[in-house]
Amino acid sequence: MRRVVLAAVAALSLSFIGAAAASEGGALPDRHWSFSGIFGTIDKAAAQRGLQVYREVCAGCHSLSLLSYRHLAGIGLDEDGIKAIAAEATVVDGPDDAGEMFERPGRPADRFAAPFPNEKAARAANNGAYPPDLSVITKARAGGANYVFGILTGYGEAPADLTMQEGMNYNTYFPGLQIAMPAPLSEGSVEYADGTPATVEQMASDVTMFMTWAAEPETDARKRMGIKAMLFLLVLTGLFYATKRKVWAALH
């Protein structure tokens, strides 16, 4: 009798675990990224394409408040290109000599312009949902780059046994499987300047590359410094060992 009860409890527990796992979304895609590992680096060409995707698709809802336009030099943009991108933004500045705030074109030193003046305005424009700031999205979400890529490519038809809430969209990788944001990418959403085919997977990969860089613009420099430090410590350890052998040689 005891075995029957234990078996029933185990089966019930597994059913709850299975339901919970389903509500958490599917396993994230495990992609190989150029920046993975200690020797990994940001693919600047992909990051530049990702910047284009962000500006043309994502920037209408999502802010990038911790990044300044001048940082774009880190993905290979020249000074004139950065100035041109910054100038397309409208920045509120001031006060002027009359004590009034005024609008002006953006400058390289400015932070990326936000699409909404405040959270309430953002929610009002998105049926109550608040589009998160993307500055550190790959650091803030479990799964990092794979999470962002998965969300962007995980849209599809909901299973027949899943009751969708009004205004929600099915996403196989989103916790709870239902997300307020409609699928932002579709084939040909942007036209890449370098002629790269703008498939959903390609655009998702490129904008994820850009977001990963944006979360830590100094990542390549930090890795280079880390490798130099490790090489220095390795050489220093060798020198210490050789010195120790020489100093204590007479005692052996």
Protein backbone atom coordinates (compact mmCIF):
# COMPACT_ATOMS: atom_id res chain seq x y z
CA MET A 1 0.00 0.00 0.00
CA ARG A 2 2.82 2.32 0.92
CA ARG A 3 4.48 1.74 -2.44
CA VAL A 4 1.24 2.58 -4.24
CA VAL A 5 0.91 5.84 -2.31
CA LEU A 6 4.54 6.78 -2.96
CA ALA A 7 4.13 5.99 -6.67
CA ALA A 8 1.02 8.15 -6.85
CA VAL A 9 2.76 11.03 -5.07
CA ALA A 10 5.75 10.72 -7.39
CA ALA A 11 3.53 10.74 -10.47
CA LEU A 12 1.64 13.78 -9.20
CA SER A 13 4.90 15.57 -8.44
CA LEU A 14 6.22 14.86 -11.93
CA SER A 15 3.03 16.20 -13.46
CA PHE A 16 3.39 19.45 -11.51
CA ILE A 17 7.07 19.70 -12.48
CA GLY A 18 6.18 19.10 -16.12
CA ALA A 19 3.50 21.78 -16.04
CA ALA A 20 5.88 24.24 -14.38
CA ALA A 21 8.59 23.52 -16.93
CA ALA A 22 6.14 24.09 -19.76
CA SER A 23 5.09 27.41 -18.27
CA GLU A 24 8.72 28.47 -18.10
CA GLY A 25 9.15 28.09 -21.84
CA GLY A 26 11.32 25.79 -23.92
CA ALA A 27 15.06 25.31 -23.63
CA LEU A 28 16.86 28.27 -25.16
CA PRO A 29 18.77 27.77 -28.42
CA ASP A 30 22.43 27.08 -27.74
CA ARG A 31 24.25 29.13 -30.36
CA HIS A 32 27.96 29.63 -30.79
CA TRP A 33 28.75 33.34 -30.58
CA SER A 34 31.97 34.98 -31.73
CA PHE A 35 32.30 36.68 -28.33
CA SER A 36 32.10 33.42 -26.36
CA GLY A 37 35.11 32.38 -24.32
CA ILE A 38 38.18 34.22 -23.15
CA PHE A 39 39.47 34.69 -26.70
CA GLY A 40 36.09 35.65 -28.17
CA THR A 41 35.52 39.03 -29.79
CA ILE A 42 32.56 41.08 -30.97
CA ASP A 43 31.87 40.72 -34.69
CA LYS A 44 31.85 44.42 -35.59
CA ALA A 45 30.19 43.93 -38.99
CA ALA A 46 27.36 41.99 -37.33
CA ALA A 47 27.11 44.58 -34.54
CA GLN A 48 26.78 47.37 -37.12
CA ARG A 49 23.97 45.47 -38.82
CA GLY A 50 22.44 44.94 -35.38
CA LEU A 51 22.59 48.68 -34.76
CA GLN A 52 20.59 49.15 -37.95
CA VAL A 53 18.00 46.61 -36.77
CA TYR A 54 17.76 48.35 -33.41
CA ARG A 55 17.32 51.79 -34.97
CA GLU A 56 14.78 50.70 -37.59
CA VAL A 57 12.82 48.10 -35.61
CA CYS A 58 13.44 48.23 -31.86
CA ALA A 59 14.06 51.91 -31.10
CA GLY A 60 10.41 52.84 -31.57
CA CYS A 61 9.58 51.10 -28.27
CA HIS A 62 12.79 50.16 -26.45
CA SER A 63 15.27 52.62 -24.97
CA LEU A 64 19.03 52.19 -24.75
CA SER A 65 19.55 54.73 -21.99
CA LEU A 66 23.01 53.70 -20.75
CA LEU A 67 24.73 53.97 -24.13
CA SER A 68 26.04 57.19 -25.68
CA TYR A 69 26.34 57.74 -29.42
CA ARG A 70 30.10 58.24 -29.07
CA HIS A 71 30.42 54.63 -27.92
CA LEU A 72 29.55 53.50 -31.45
CA ALA A 73 33.21 53.99 -32.33
CA GLY A 74 33.66 50.67 -30.55
CA ILE A 75 31.93 48.79 -33.38
CA GLY A 76 33.87 50.58 -36.09
CA LEU A 77 31.79 53.67 -36.92
CA ASP A 78 33.81 56.75 -37.83
CA GLU A 79 33.31 60.22 -36.37
CA ASP A 80 31.18 61.51 -39.24
CA GLY A 81 28.92 58.47 -39.11
CA ILE A 82 28.43 58.84 -35.36
CA LYS A 83 27.62 62.54 -35.72
CA ALA A 84 25.08 61.77 -38.44
CA ILE A 85 23.33 59.13 -36.32
CA ALA A 86 23.30 61.38 -33.26
CA ALA A 87 21.94 64.33 -35.24
CA GLU A 88 18.86 62.32 -36.23
CA ALA A 89 17.77 62.32 -32.57
CA THR A 90 15.98 65.20 -30.88
CA VAL A 91 17.33 65.99 -27.42
CA VAL A 92 15.73 68.20 -24.77
CA ASP A 93 18.38 70.55 -23.37
CA GLY A 94 18.53 73.67 -21.26
CA PRO A 95 17.60 75.81 -19.61
CA ASP A 96 18.58 78.61 -21.96
CA ASP A 97 19.22 82.23 -20.97
CA ALA A 98 15.47 82.72 -20.55
CA GLY A 99 15.19 79.72 -18.26
CA GLU A 100 13.37 77.64 -20.85
CA MET A 101 14.09 74.09 -21.98
CA PHE A 102 14.62 73.65 -25.70
CA GLU A 103 15.11 70.93 -28.28
CA ARG A 104 18.23 70.42 -30.35
CA PRO A 105 19.78 67.74 -32.59
CA GLY A 106 21.68 65.05 -30.75
CA ARG A 107 25.45 65.09 -30.30
CA PRO A 108 27.92 62.20 -29.99
CA ALA A 109 28.19 62.82 -26.23
CA ASP A 110 24.42 62.41 -25.72
CA ARG A 111 22.83 59.17 -24.54
CA PHE A 112 20.60 57.34 -27.03
CA ALA A 113 17.28 59.18 -27.20
CA ALA A 114 14.38 57.41 -25.48
CA PRO A 115 11.22 56.67 -27.50
CA PHE A 116 8.92 57.83 -24.68
CA PRO A 117 9.22 60.66 -22.14
CA ASN A 118 8.31 58.40 -19.19
CA GLU A 119 7.04 54.95 -18.19
CA LYS A 120 3.36 55.94 -18.19
CA ALA A 121 3.61 57.21 -21.75
CA ALA A 122 5.34 53.97 -22.76
CA ARG A 123 2.61 51.84 -21.18
CA ALA A 124 -0.15 53.97 -22.73
CA ALA A 125 1.34 53.38 -26.18
CA ASN A 126 1.74 49.63 -25.65
CA ASN A 127 -1.61 48.55 -24.17
CA GLY A 128 -0.27 48.67 -20.63
CA ALA A 129 2.94 46.73 -21.30
CA TYR A 130 6.25 48.42 -20.49
CA PRO A 131 8.99 47.80 -23.08
CA PRO A 132 12.19 47.17 -21.08
CA ASP A 133 15.34 49.19 -21.57
CA LEU A 134 17.79 47.15 -23.64
CA SER A 135 21.05 48.62 -22.36
CA VAL A 136 22.00 45.54 -20.33
CA ILE A 137 19.34 43.07 -21.46
CA THR A 138 21.89 40.34 -22.23
CA LYS A 139 23.30 40.71 -18.71
CA ALA A 140 19.96 41.01 -16.95
CA ARG A 141 18.28 37.89 -18.37
CA ALA A 142 19.23 34.29 -17.64
CA GLY A 143 20.59 32.83 -20.85
CA GLY A 144 22.06 36.16 -21.97
CA ALA A 145 22.49 36.35 -25.72
CA ASN A 146 20.68 33.04 -26.26
CA TYR A 147 17.65 34.44 -24.41
CA VAL A 148 17.45 37.53 -26.65
CA PHE A 149 17.93 35.48 -29.81
CA GLY A 150 15.40 32.91 -28.63
CA ILE A 151 12.71 35.50 -27.89
CA LEU A 152 13.17 37.14 -31.29
CA THR A 153 12.90 33.83 -33.14
CA GLY A 154 10.46 32.00 -30.86
CA TYR A 155 7.13 33.31 -32.18
CA GLY A 156 4.64 30.90 -33.70
CA GLU A 157 1.18 29.40 -33.44
CA ALA A 158 0.05 28.55 -29.92
CA PRO A 159 -0.68 24.87 -29.13
CA ALA A 160 -4.35 23.95 -29.17
CA ASP A 161 -4.34 23.20 -25.43
CA LEU A 162 -2.96 26.62 -24.45
CA THR A 163 -5.49 29.36 -23.68
CA MET A 164 -4.05 32.66 -24.86
CA GLN A 165 -4.85 35.84 -22.98
CA GLU A 166 -6.26 38.73 -24.98
CA GLY A 167 -3.57 40.80 -26.65
CA MET A 168 -0.81 38.27 -25.95
CA ASN A 169 1.40 36.46 -28.45
CA TYR A 170 2.76 32.93 -28.25
CA ASN A 171 6.52 32.59 -27.85
CA THR A 172 8.03 29.20 -27.16
CA TYR A 173 11.05 30.66 -25.29
CA PHE A 174 9.31 33.30 -23.18
CA PRO A 175 8.56 32.38 -19.54
CA GLY A 176 4.86 31.65 -19.43
CA LEU A 177 4.84 31.22 -23.23
CA GLN A 178 2.79 34.42 -23.68
CA ILE A 179 4.40 37.77 -24.45
CA ALA A 180 2.83 41.19 -25.01
CA MET A 181 5.28 42.20 -27.73
CA PRO A 182 4.18 41.12 -31.23
CA ALA A 183 6.84 39.50 -33.39
CA PRO A 184 9.13 42.46 -34.19
CA LEU A 185 11.00 40.83 -37.07
CA SER A 186 9.80 39.58 -40.41
CA GLU A 187 11.64 38.66 -43.59
CA GLY A 188 13.12 41.82 -45.12
CA SER A 189 12.27 44.10 -42.18
CA VAL A 190 15.46 46.00 -42.95
CA GLU A 191 17.64 46.35 -46.02
CA TYR A 192 21.24 45.82 -45.06
CA ALA A 193 23.73 48.18 -46.64
CA ASP A 194 26.25 45.35 -47.11
CA GLY A 195 23.74 43.20 -49.00
CA THR A 196 23.38 40.53 -46.28
CA PRO A 197 19.99 38.76 -46.67
CA ALA A 198 17.69 40.07 -43.92
CA THR A 199 16.19 36.81 -42.71
CA VAL A 200 14.57 36.69 -39.28
CA GLU A 201 17.39 34.55 -37.92
CA GLN A 202 20.06 36.83 -39.39
CA MET A 203 18.47 40.00 -37.98
CA ALA A 204 17.94 38.35 -34.59
CA SER A 205 21.57 37.24 -34.53
CA ASP A 206 22.85 40.68 -35.55
CA VAL A 207 20.78 42.68 -33.06
CA THR A 208 21.76 40.22 -30.32
CA MET A 209 25.40 40.83 -31.20
CA PHE A 210 24.79 44.57 -30.92
CA MET A 211 22.95 44.21 -27.60
CA THR A 212 25.76 42.09 -26.19
CA TRP A 213 28.28 44.75 -27.15
CA ALA A 214 26.03 47.56 -25.83
CA ALA A 215 25.81 45.87 -22.43
CA GLU A 216 29.59 45.99 -22.12
CA PRO A 217 31.24 48.15 -24.81
CA GLU A 218 34.69 47.54 -23.32
CA THR A 219 34.40 43.74 -23.45
CA ASP A 220 37.06 43.22 -26.16
CA ALA A 221 39.52 45.58 -24.45
CA ARG A 222 38.89 43.86 -21.11
CA LYS A 223 39.56 40.43 -22.60
CA ARG A 224 42.77 41.65 -24.26
CA MET A 225 43.95 43.10 -20.96
CA GLY A 226 43.08 39.85 -19.20
CA ILE A 227 45.12 37.81 -21.68
CA LYS A 228 48.09 40.19 -21.29
CA ALA A 229 47.83 39.94 -17.51
CA MET A 230 47.78 36.14 -17.66
CA LEU A 231 50.83 36.07 -19.94
CA PHE A 232 52.64 38.51 -17.65
CA LEU A 233 51.86 36.39 -14.58
CA LEU A 234 52.97 33.25 -16.42
CA VAL A 235 56.32 34.82 -17.33
CA LEU A 236 56.69 36.25 -13.80
CA THR A 237 56.02 32.82 -12.30
CA GLY A 238 58.73 31.34 -14.49
CA LEU A 239 61.19 34.03 -13.43
CA PHE A 240 60.38 33.48 -9.75
CA TYR A 241 60.90 29.75 -10.16
CA ALA A 242 64.24 30.22 -11.96
CA THR A 243 65.38 32.69 -9.29
CA LYS A 244 64.38 30.29 -6.51
CA ARG A 245 66.37 27.47 -8.17
CA LYS A 246 69.43 29.69 -8.47
CA VAL A 247 69.27 31.13 -4.92
CA TRP A 248 68.79 27.76 -3.24
CA ALA A 249 70.96 25.67 -5.58
CA ALA A 250 73.88 25.57 -3.07
CA LEU A 251 71.71 23.84 -0.45
CA HIS A 252 70.91 20.82 -2.62
